[in-house]
Amino acid sequence: MYCQSKNVIGRIIITLLLFVAIGISGCARSTPPTRPSSPGTPKPYKVMGRWYQPLADSRGFQQRGLASWYGKKFHGRKTANGERYNMYGVSAAHKTLPLGTWVQVHHLESGQTLDVRINDRGPFVRNRIIDLSFGAAKKLGIVGPGTAPVKVTALGKAGDPKPDGRPTYLPVAYHQGNFTFQVGAFVDRQNAETLVRQLDKTYKNAHMVKSNDDQPVFYRVRVGRCNTLTQAAEYESYLVRNGFPDAITVAE
């Protein structure tokens, strides 16, 4: 198994459990709540009381419905993939397509088409299937009416352009990547560093990541490494069984 860990020693695990319980009791996790998902699939997420299950692969995806757009209220805020939303750029939000997927949006009334990249989640409004950036909506002539009937076709992830400059696309999947596992988050850096030293006696790749996006700043403690989501799901379950009930998989 590619996921890396050292042999677990029972007494060390018990000690770590007590340490983590004490450390985590004084801090809060900023990760949104999730519910279990099948191995090899991305975790579902919850918005406004409703669960959404992201797709593991964009291959063959097509959808018809209403497109809308979003602008100033979200300009400069972080999108679901960590980028800053640029309302004047060309991007889009979708509820379930893998982040990073390029899609072709076909305006069914005007016949215009536009390729956009999914970097955010939404729209969470009934009967709307895609939220375009202001820049993308302007190119498709949707800004004025606010919504328009469209057909969304997944293209994949951008590949190397052809000799004539035309873009190429590769299927987007969550199954491959670099994954690690978060087992604790602390406001006190010293507590995080102490836990990393303790975990390093039992697990490989024990390390700390400083999160500057939270207020206050959190020091997140992580262990292990996998290169497929199936392995990641198995290793996360292993951590949960061995005393880390709040362990979560993190894509690096």
C-alpha atoms as a PDB file:
ATOM      1  CA  MET A   1       0.000   0.000   0.000  1.00  0.00           C
ATOM      2  CA  TYR A   2       1.470   3.366  -0.995  1.00  0.00           C
ATOM      3  CA  CYS A   3       0.081   5.139   2.070  1.00  0.00           C
ATOM      4  CA  GLN A   4       3.017   5.474   4.420  1.00  0.00           C
ATOM      5  CA  SER A   5       2.896   4.723   8.139  1.00  0.00           C
ATOM      6  CA  LYS A   6       5.082   3.071  10.748  1.00  0.00           C
ATOM      7  CA  ASN A   7       3.893   0.170  12.886  1.00  0.00           C
ATOM      8  CA  VAL A   8       1.424   1.322  15.528  1.00  0.00           C
ATOM      9  CA  ILE A   9       2.328   0.580  19.126  1.00  0.00           C
ATOM     10  CA  GLY A  10      -0.683   0.266  21.397  1.00  0.00           C
ATOM     11  CA  ARG A  11       0.666   2.233  24.328  1.00  0.00           C
ATOM     12  CA  ILE A  12       1.824   5.099  22.134  1.00  0.00           C
ATOM     13  CA  ILE A  13      -1.597   5.272  20.503  1.00  0.00           C
ATOM     14  CA  ILE A  14      -3.274   5.560  23.905  1.00  0.00           C
ATOM     15  CA  THR A  15      -0.875   8.332  24.905  1.00  0.00           C
ATOM     16  CA  LEU A  16      -1.495  10.163  21.662  1.00  0.00           C
ATOM     17  CA  LEU A  17      -5.237   9.835  22.082  1.00  0.00           C
ATOM     18  CA  LEU A  18      -5.075  11.591  25.423  1.00  0.00           C
ATOM     19  CA  PHE A  19      -2.783  14.266  24.016  1.00  0.00           C
ATOM     20  CA  VAL A  20      -4.926  14.929  20.963  1.00  0.00           C
ATOM     21  CA  ALA A  21      -8.095  14.995  23.026  1.00  0.00           C
ATOM     22  CA  ILE A  22      -6.602  17.613  25.343  1.00  0.00           C
ATOM     23  CA  GLY A  23      -5.143  19.665  22.492  1.00  0.00           C
ATOM     24  CA  ILE A  24      -8.212  19.650  20.267  1.00  0.00           C
ATOM     25  CA  SER A  25     -10.560  20.512  23.114  1.00  0.00           C
ATOM     26  CA  GLY A  26      -9.143  24.044  23.079  1.00  0.00           C
ATOM     27  CA  CYS A  27      -9.600  24.684  19.382  1.00  0.00           C
ATOM     28  CA  ALA A  28     -12.140  24.365  16.599  1.00  0.00           C
ATOM     29  CA  ARG A  29     -11.978  22.762  13.179  1.00  0.00           C
ATOM     30  CA  SER A  30     -12.805  25.009  10.253  1.00  0.00           C
ATOM     31  CA  THR A  31     -13.475  22.042   7.934  1.00  0.00           C
ATOM     32  CA  PRO A  32     -17.157  21.873   6.873  1.00  0.00           C
ATOM     33  CA  PRO A  33     -19.096  18.830   8.107  1.00  0.00           C
ATOM     34  CA  THR A  34     -19.135  15.788   5.852  1.00  0.00           C
ATOM     35  CA  ARG A  35     -20.792  12.402   5.838  1.00  0.00           C
ATOM     36  CA  PRO A  36     -19.214   9.083   4.792  1.00  0.00           C
ATOM     37  CA  SER A  37     -18.622   8.384   1.106  1.00  0.00           C
ATOM     38  CA  SER A  38     -17.639   5.243  -0.758  1.00  0.00           C
ATOM     39  CA  PRO A  39     -13.898   4.604  -1.276  1.00  0.00           C
ATOM     40  CA  GLY A  40     -12.623   6.250  -4.441  1.00  0.00           C
ATOM     41  CA  THR A  41     -15.199   9.041  -4.451  1.00  0.00           C
ATOM     42  CA  PRO A  42     -14.841  12.620  -3.200  1.00  0.00           C
ATOM     43  CA  LYS A  43     -16.534  13.484   0.059  1.00  0.00           C
ATOM     44  CA  PRO A  44     -20.003  15.023  -0.040  1.00  0.00           C
ATOM     45  CA  TYR A  45     -20.565  18.502   1.352  1.00  0.00           C
ATOM     46  CA  LYS A  46     -23.552  20.241   2.884  1.00  0.00           C
ATOM     47  CA  VAL A  47     -24.951  23.672   1.974  1.00  0.00           C
ATOM     48  CA  MET A  48     -28.195  25.187   3.291  1.00  0.00           C
ATOM     49  CA  GLY A  49     -29.254  21.846   4.767  1.00  0.00           C
ATOM     50  CA  ARG A  50     -28.736  19.850   1.584  1.00  0.00           C
ATOM     51  CA  TRP A  51     -25.990  17.338   0.758  1.00  0.00           C
ATOM     52  CA  TYR A  52     -24.149  17.324  -2.577  1.00  0.00           C
ATOM     53  CA  GLN A  53     -21.961  14.489  -3.863  1.00  0.00           C
ATOM     54  CA  PRO A  54     -19.138  15.685  -6.173  1.00  0.00           C
ATOM     55  CA  LEU A  55     -18.449  13.460  -9.152  1.00  0.00           C
ATOM     56  CA  ALA A  56     -15.279  11.392  -9.227  1.00  0.00           C
ATOM     57  CA  ASP A  57     -14.828  11.933 -12.970  1.00  0.00           C
ATOM     58  CA  SER A  58     -16.101  14.410 -15.567  1.00  0.00           C
ATOM     59  CA  ARG A  59     -15.979  11.967 -18.479  1.00  0.00           C
ATOM     60  CA  GLY A  60     -19.174  12.065 -20.596  1.00  0.00           C
ATOM     61  CA  PHE A  61     -20.920  14.657 -18.423  1.00  0.00           C
ATOM     62  CA  GLN A  62     -23.727  16.700 -20.028  1.00  0.00           C
ATOM     63  CA  GLN A  63     -26.473  18.758 -18.436  1.00  0.00           C
ATOM     64  CA  ARG A  64     -29.245  21.116 -19.551  1.00  0.00           C
ATOM     65  CA  GLY A  65     -30.790  23.845 -17.434  1.00  0.00           C
ATOM     66  CA  LEU A  66     -30.516  27.489 -16.453  1.00  0.00           C
ATOM     67  CA  ALA A  67     -27.237  29.356 -16.184  1.00  0.00           C
ATOM     68  CA  SER A  68     -26.903  32.371 -13.907  1.00  0.00           C
ATOM     69  CA  TRP A  69     -23.990  34.605 -12.932  1.00  0.00           C
ATOM     70  CA  TYR A  70     -22.412  36.128  -9.812  1.00  0.00           C
ATOM     71  CA  GLY A  71     -20.390  39.294  -9.399  1.00  0.00           C
ATOM     72  CA  LYS A  72     -19.395  42.068  -6.988  1.00  0.00           C
ATOM     73  CA  LYS A  73     -20.562  40.469  -3.754  1.00  0.00           C
ATOM     74  CA  PHE A  74     -18.046  37.639  -4.223  1.00  0.00           C
ATOM     75  CA  HIS A  75     -15.275  39.509  -6.062  1.00  0.00           C
ATOM     76  CA  GLY A  76     -11.939  38.841  -4.341  1.00  0.00           C
ATOM     77  CA  ARG A  77     -13.281  36.096  -2.094  1.00  0.00           C
ATOM     78  CA  LYS A  78     -11.807  32.613  -2.106  1.00  0.00           C
ATOM     79  CA  THR A  79     -13.401  30.074  -4.398  1.00  0.00           C
ATOM     80  CA  ALA A  80     -13.824  26.389  -3.545  1.00  0.00           C
ATOM     81  CA  ASN A  81     -10.425  25.508  -5.018  1.00  0.00           C
ATOM     82  CA  GLY A  82      -8.632  28.259  -3.078  1.00  0.00           C
ATOM     83  CA  GLU A  83      -8.293  30.810  -5.866  1.00  0.00           C
ATOM     84  CA  ARG A  84      -9.546  34.384  -5.515  1.00  0.00           C
ATOM     85  CA  TYR A  85     -12.727  34.959  -7.459  1.00  0.00           C
ATOM     86  CA  ASN A  86     -12.237  37.436 -10.309  1.00  0.00           C
ATOM     87  CA  MET A  87     -15.637  38.554 -11.548  1.00  0.00           C
ATOM     88  CA  TYR A  88     -14.058  39.972 -14.711  1.00  0.00           C
ATOM     89  CA  GLY A  89     -12.342  36.710 -15.614  1.00  0.00           C
ATOM     90  CA  VAL A  90     -13.827  33.626 -17.266  1.00  0.00           C
ATOM     91  CA  SER A  91     -14.726  30.938 -14.737  1.00  0.00           C
ATOM     92  CA  ALA A  92     -17.751  29.174 -13.307  1.00  0.00           C
ATOM     93  CA  ALA A  93     -19.228  27.397 -10.312  1.00  0.00           C
ATOM     94  CA  HIS A  94     -20.849  23.969 -10.445  1.00  0.00           C
ATOM     95  CA  LYS A  95     -22.285  21.852  -7.646  1.00  0.00           C
ATOM     96  CA  THR A  96     -20.744  18.481  -8.491  1.00  0.00           C
ATOM     97  CA  LEU A  97     -18.199  18.572 -11.331  1.00  0.00           C
ATOM     98  CA  PRO A  98     -14.575  18.067 -10.234  1.00  0.00           C
ATOM     99  CA  LEU A  99     -12.873  21.391  -9.577  1.00  0.00           C
ATOM    100  CA  GLY A 100     -10.540  22.230 -12.449  1.00  0.00           C
ATOM    101  CA  THR A 101     -12.834  20.788 -15.109  1.00  0.00           C
ATOM    102  CA  TRP A 102     -13.232  22.795 -18.304  1.00  0.00           C
ATOM    103  CA  VAL A 103     -16.746  22.802 -19.697  1.00  0.00           C
ATOM    104  CA  GLN A 104     -18.375  24.154 -22.840  1.00  0.00           C
ATOM    105  CA  VAL A 105     -21.443  26.259 -22.095  1.00  0.00           C
ATOM    106  CA  HIS A 106     -23.836  26.386 -25.056  1.00  0.00           C
ATOM    107  CA  HIS A 107     -26.419  29.201 -24.939  1.00  0.00           C
ATOM    108  CA  LEU A 108     -29.454  27.371 -26.331  1.00  0.00           C
ATOM    109  CA  GLU A 109     -31.228  30.520 -27.531  1.00  0.00           C
ATOM    110  CA  SER A 110     -28.391  32.479 -29.153  1.00  0.00           C
ATOM    111  CA  GLY A 111     -26.253  29.498 -30.202  1.00  0.00           C
ATOM    112  CA  GLN A 112     -23.113  31.034 -28.656  1.00  0.00           C
ATOM    113  CA  THR A 113     -20.620  28.788 -26.871  1.00  0.00           C
ATOM    114  CA  LEU A 114     -17.875  29.468 -24.365  1.00  0.00           C
ATOM    115  CA  ASP A 115     -15.301  27.269 -22.649  1.00  0.00           C
ATOM    116  CA  VAL A 116     -14.940  27.973 -18.928  1.00  0.00           C
ATOM    117  CA  ARG A 117     -13.121  26.344 -16.018  1.00  0.00           C
ATOM    118  CA  ILE A 118     -14.944  25.220 -12.867  1.00  0.00           C
ATOM    119  CA  ASN A 119     -13.192  26.653  -9.804  1.00  0.00           C
ATOM    120  CA  ASP A 120     -16.093  27.111  -7.378  1.00  0.00           C
ATOM    121  CA  ARG A 121     -19.227  25.441  -5.984  1.00  0.00           C
ATOM    122  CA  GLY A 122     -22.799  26.560  -6.724  1.00  0.00           C
ATOM    123  CA  PRO A 123     -25.305  27.772  -7.690  1.00  0.00           C
ATOM    124  CA  PHE A 124     -27.390  26.690  -4.709  1.00  0.00           C
ATOM    125  CA  VAL A 125     -30.635  27.976  -6.215  1.00  0.00           C
ATOM    126  CA  ARG A 126     -33.318  25.622  -7.465  1.00  0.00           C
ATOM    127  CA  ASN A 127     -33.304  24.869 -11.225  1.00  0.00           C
ATOM    128  CA  ARG A 128     -29.950  26.564 -11.902  1.00  0.00           C
ATOM    129  CA  ILE A 129     -27.113  24.313 -12.986  1.00  0.00           C
ATOM    130  CA  ILE A 130     -24.114  26.626 -13.409  1.00  0.00           C
ATOM    131  CA  ASP A 131     -23.047  30.029 -12.084  1.00  0.00           C
ATOM    132  CA  LEU A 132     -20.869  31.973 -14.516  1.00  0.00           C
ATOM    133  CA  SER A 133     -18.468  34.735 -13.593  1.00  0.00           C
ATOM    134  CA  PHE A 134     -19.573  38.187 -14.706  1.00  0.00           C
ATOM    135  CA  GLY A 135     -16.915  38.100 -17.447  1.00  0.00           C
ATOM    136  CA  ALA A 136     -18.129  34.751 -18.786  1.00  0.00           C
ATOM    137  CA  ALA A 137     -21.786  35.794 -18.593  1.00  0.00           C
ATOM    138  CA  LYS A 138     -20.989  38.973 -20.523  1.00  0.00           C
ATOM    139  CA  LYS A 139     -19.369  36.997 -23.324  1.00  0.00           C
ATOM    140  CA  LEU A 140     -22.457  34.774 -23.581  1.00  0.00           C
ATOM    141  CA  GLY A 141     -24.941  37.641 -23.352  1.00  0.00           C
ATOM    142  CA  ILE A 142     -26.453  36.528 -20.051  1.00  0.00           C
ATOM    143  CA  VAL A 143     -25.696  39.586 -17.887  1.00  0.00           C
ATOM    144  CA  GLY A 144     -28.824  41.512 -18.938  1.00  0.00           C
ATOM    145  CA  PRO A 145     -31.474  38.811 -18.547  1.00  0.00           C
ATOM    146  CA  GLY A 146     -29.675  37.284 -15.565  1.00  0.00           C
ATOM    147  CA  THR A 147     -30.320  33.677 -16.587  1.00  0.00           C
ATOM    148  CA  ALA A 148     -30.449  31.697 -19.817  1.00  0.00           C
ATOM    149  CA  PRO A 149     -31.093  28.087 -20.895  1.00  0.00           C
ATOM    150  CA  VAL A 150     -27.801  26.325 -21.563  1.00  0.00           C
ATOM    151  CA  LYS A 151     -26.252  22.962 -22.236  1.00  0.00           C
ATOM    152  CA  VAL A 152     -23.118  22.191 -20.214  1.00  0.00           C
ATOM    153  CA  THR A 153     -20.688  19.633 -21.654  1.00  0.00           C
ATOM    154  CA  ALA A 154     -17.595  18.576 -19.711  1.00  0.00           C
ATOM    155  CA  LEU A 155     -14.363  18.853 -21.704  1.00  0.00           C
ATOM    156  CA  GLY A 156     -11.821  17.812 -19.062  1.00  0.00           C
ATOM    157  CA  LYS A 157      -8.604  19.299 -17.750  1.00  0.00           C
ATOM    158  CA  ALA A 158      -6.550  21.555 -20.038  1.00  0.00           C
ATOM    159  CA  GLY A 159      -3.708  19.696 -21.744  1.00  0.00           C
ATOM    160  CA  ASP A 160      -0.948  20.788 -24.100  1.00  0.00           C
ATOM    161  CA  PRO A 161      -2.289  22.817 -27.035  1.00  0.00           C
ATOM    162  CA  LYS A 162      -2.239  21.368 -30.535  1.00  0.00           C
ATOM    163  CA  PRO A 163       0.319  22.698 -33.084  1.00  0.00           C
ATOM    164  CA  ASP A 164      -2.323  25.068 -34.467  1.00  0.00           C
ATOM    165  CA  GLY A 165      -2.942  26.481 -30.994  1.00  0.00           C
ATOM    166  CA  ARG A 166      -6.284  24.774 -30.376  1.00  0.00           C
ATOM    167  CA  PRO A 167      -6.717  23.561 -26.783  1.00  0.00           C
ATOM    168  CA  THR A 168      -6.795  19.910 -25.778  1.00  0.00           C
ATOM    169  CA  TYR A 169      -8.515  18.412 -22.750  1.00  0.00           C
ATOM    170  CA  LEU A 170      -7.942  15.382 -20.545  1.00  0.00           C
ATOM    171  CA  PRO A 171     -10.543  13.717 -18.301  1.00  0.00           C
ATOM    172  CA  VAL A 172     -10.602  15.115 -14.759  1.00  0.00           C
ATOM    173  CA  ALA A 173     -10.734  12.633 -11.896  1.00  0.00           C
ATOM    174  CA  TYR A 174     -10.287  12.796  -8.144  1.00  0.00           C
ATOM    175  CA  HIS A 175      -8.877   9.288  -8.028  1.00  0.00           C
ATOM    176  CA  GLN A 176      -5.219  10.313  -8.460  1.00  0.00           C
ATOM    177  CA  GLY A 177      -3.271  12.894  -6.507  1.00  0.00           C
ATOM    178  CA  ASN A 178      -1.260  13.513  -3.362  1.00  0.00           C
ATOM    179  CA  PHE A 179      -3.236  13.053  -0.155  1.00  0.00           C
ATOM    180  CA  THR A 180      -2.328  13.444   3.504  1.00  0.00           C
ATOM    181  CA  PHE A 181      -4.393  13.291   6.712  1.00  0.00           C
ATOM    182  CA  GLN A 182      -5.179  15.961   9.261  1.00  0.00           C
ATOM    183  CA  VAL A 183      -5.507  14.732  12.849  1.00  0.00           C
ATOM    184  CA  GLY A 184      -5.474  17.963  14.830  1.00  0.00           C
ATOM    185  CA  ALA A 185      -5.578  21.765  14.676  1.00  0.00           C
ATOM    186  CA  PHE A 186      -4.195  24.122  17.296  1.00  0.00           C
ATOM    187  CA  VAL A 187      -4.080  27.841  17.976  1.00  0.00           C
ATOM    188  CA  ASP A 188      -0.906  27.286  20.028  1.00  0.00           C
ATOM    189  CA  ARG A 189       2.024  26.496  17.736  1.00  0.00           C
ATOM    190  CA  GLN A 190       3.992  24.803  20.513  1.00  0.00           C
ATOM    191  CA  ASN A 191       1.190  22.301  21.121  1.00  0.00           C
ATOM    192  CA  ALA A 192       1.115  21.476  17.400  1.00  0.00           C
ATOM    193  CA  GLU A 193       4.889  21.010  17.259  1.00  0.00           C
ATOM    194  CA  THR A 194       4.802  18.756  20.319  1.00  0.00           C
ATOM    195  CA  LEU A 195       2.141  16.576  18.717  1.00  0.00           C
ATOM    196  CA  VAL A 196       4.157  16.357  15.487  1.00  0.00           C
ATOM    197  CA  ARG A 197       7.159  15.074  17.453  1.00  0.00           C
ATOM    198  CA  GLN A 198       4.996  12.483  19.194  1.00  0.00           C
ATOM    199  CA  LEU A 199       3.347  11.352  15.961  1.00  0.00           C
ATOM    200  CA  ASP A 200       6.710  11.075  14.215  1.00  0.00           C
ATOM    201  CA  LYS A 201       7.529   8.150  16.514  1.00  0.00           C
ATOM    202  CA  THR A 202       4.611   6.192  15.042  1.00  0.00           C
ATOM    203  CA  TYR A 203       3.656   7.648  11.652  1.00  0.00           C
ATOM    204  CA  LYS A 204       5.556   8.755   8.586  1.00  0.00           C
ATOM    205  CA  ASN A 205       5.245  12.239   7.120  1.00  0.00           C
ATOM    206  CA  ALA A 206       4.183  13.806  10.424  1.00  0.00           C
ATOM    207  CA  HIS A 207       4.225  17.558   9.823  1.00  0.00           C
ATOM    208  CA  MET A 208       2.576  20.867  10.620  1.00  0.00           C
ATOM    209  CA  VAL A 209       0.912  23.314   8.237  1.00  0.00           C
ATOM    210  CA  LYS A 210       0.270  26.922   9.229  1.00  0.00           C
ATOM    211  CA  SER A 211      -3.098  28.188   8.017  1.00  0.00           C
ATOM    212  CA  ASN A 212      -3.052  31.954   7.436  1.00  0.00           C
ATOM    213  CA  ASP A 213      -6.609  32.002   6.096  1.00  0.00           C
ATOM    214  CA  ASP A 214      -8.199  31.478   9.498  1.00  0.00           C
ATOM    215  CA  GLN A 215      -8.648  33.992  12.290  1.00  0.00           C
ATOM    216  CA  PRO A 216      -7.100  33.149  14.638  1.00  0.00           C
ATOM    217  CA  VAL A 217      -4.273  31.350  12.825  1.00  0.00           C
ATOM    218  CA  PHE A 218      -4.385  27.548  13.151  1.00  0.00           C
ATOM    219  CA  TYR A 219      -1.474  25.105  13.111  1.00  0.00           C
ATOM    220  CA  ARG A 220      -2.739  21.934  11.457  1.00  0.00           C
ATOM    221  CA  VAL A 221      -1.072  18.609  12.222  1.00  0.00           C
ATOM    222  CA  ARG A 222      -0.999  15.991   9.488  1.00  0.00           C
ATOM    223  CA  VAL A 223       0.418  12.512   8.918  1.00  0.00           C
ATOM    224  CA  GLY A 224       0.736   9.894   6.174  1.00  0.00           C
ATOM    225  CA  ARG A 225       0.724  10.147   2.407  1.00  0.00           C
ATOM    226  CA  CYS A 226      -1.229   8.383  -0.367  1.00  0.00           C
ATOM    227  CA  ASN A 227      -1.414   8.786  -4.132  1.00  0.00           C
ATOM    228  CA  THR A 228      -4.929   7.481  -4.821  1.00  0.00           C
ATOM    229  CA  LEU A 229      -8.243   8.377  -3.214  1.00  0.00           C
ATOM    230  CA  THR A 230      -9.076   4.702  -2.698  1.00  0.00           C
ATOM    231  CA  GLN A 231      -5.934   4.278  -0.592  1.00  0.00           C
ATOM    232  CA  ALA A 232      -6.689   7.561   1.149  1.00  0.00           C
ATOM    233  CA  ALA A 233     -10.162   6.351   2.143  1.00  0.00           C
ATOM    234  CA  GLU A 234      -8.672   3.158   3.560  1.00  0.00           C
ATOM    235  CA  TYR A 235      -5.975   5.016   5.497  1.00  0.00           C
ATOM    236  CA  GLU A 236      -8.434   7.558   6.878  1.00  0.00           C
ATOM    237  CA  SER A 237     -10.560   4.668   8.169  1.00  0.00           C
ATOM    238  CA  TYR A 238      -7.413   3.170   9.696  1.00  0.00           C
ATOM    239  CA  LEU A 239      -6.715   6.423  11.562  1.00  0.00           C
ATOM    240  CA  VAL A 240     -10.309   6.618  12.768  1.00  0.00           C
ATOM    241  CA  ARG A 241     -10.139   3.041  14.066  1.00  0.00           C
ATOM    242  CA  ASN A 242      -6.909   3.848  15.876  1.00  0.00           C
ATOM    243  CA  GLY A 243      -8.194   6.750  17.877  1.00  0.00           C
ATOM    244  CA  PHE A 244      -8.407   9.746  15.534  1.00  0.00           C
ATOM    245  CA  PRO A 245     -12.172  10.106  14.948  1.00  0.00           C
ATOM    246  CA  ASP A 246     -11.773  13.579  13.418  1.00  0.00           C
ATOM    247  CA  ALA A 247      -9.118  12.535  10.885  1.00  0.00           C
ATOM    248  CA  ILE A 248      -9.807  14.001   7.445  1.00  0.00           C
ATOM    249  CA  THR A 249      -8.218  13.482   4.030  1.00  0.00           C
ATOM    250  CA  VAL A 250      -6.492  16.553   2.594  1.00  0.00           C
ATOM    251  CA  ALA A 251      -5.394  16.974  -1.034  1.00  0.00           C
ATOM    252  CA  GLU A 252      -1.923  18.521  -1.218  1.00  0.00           C
END
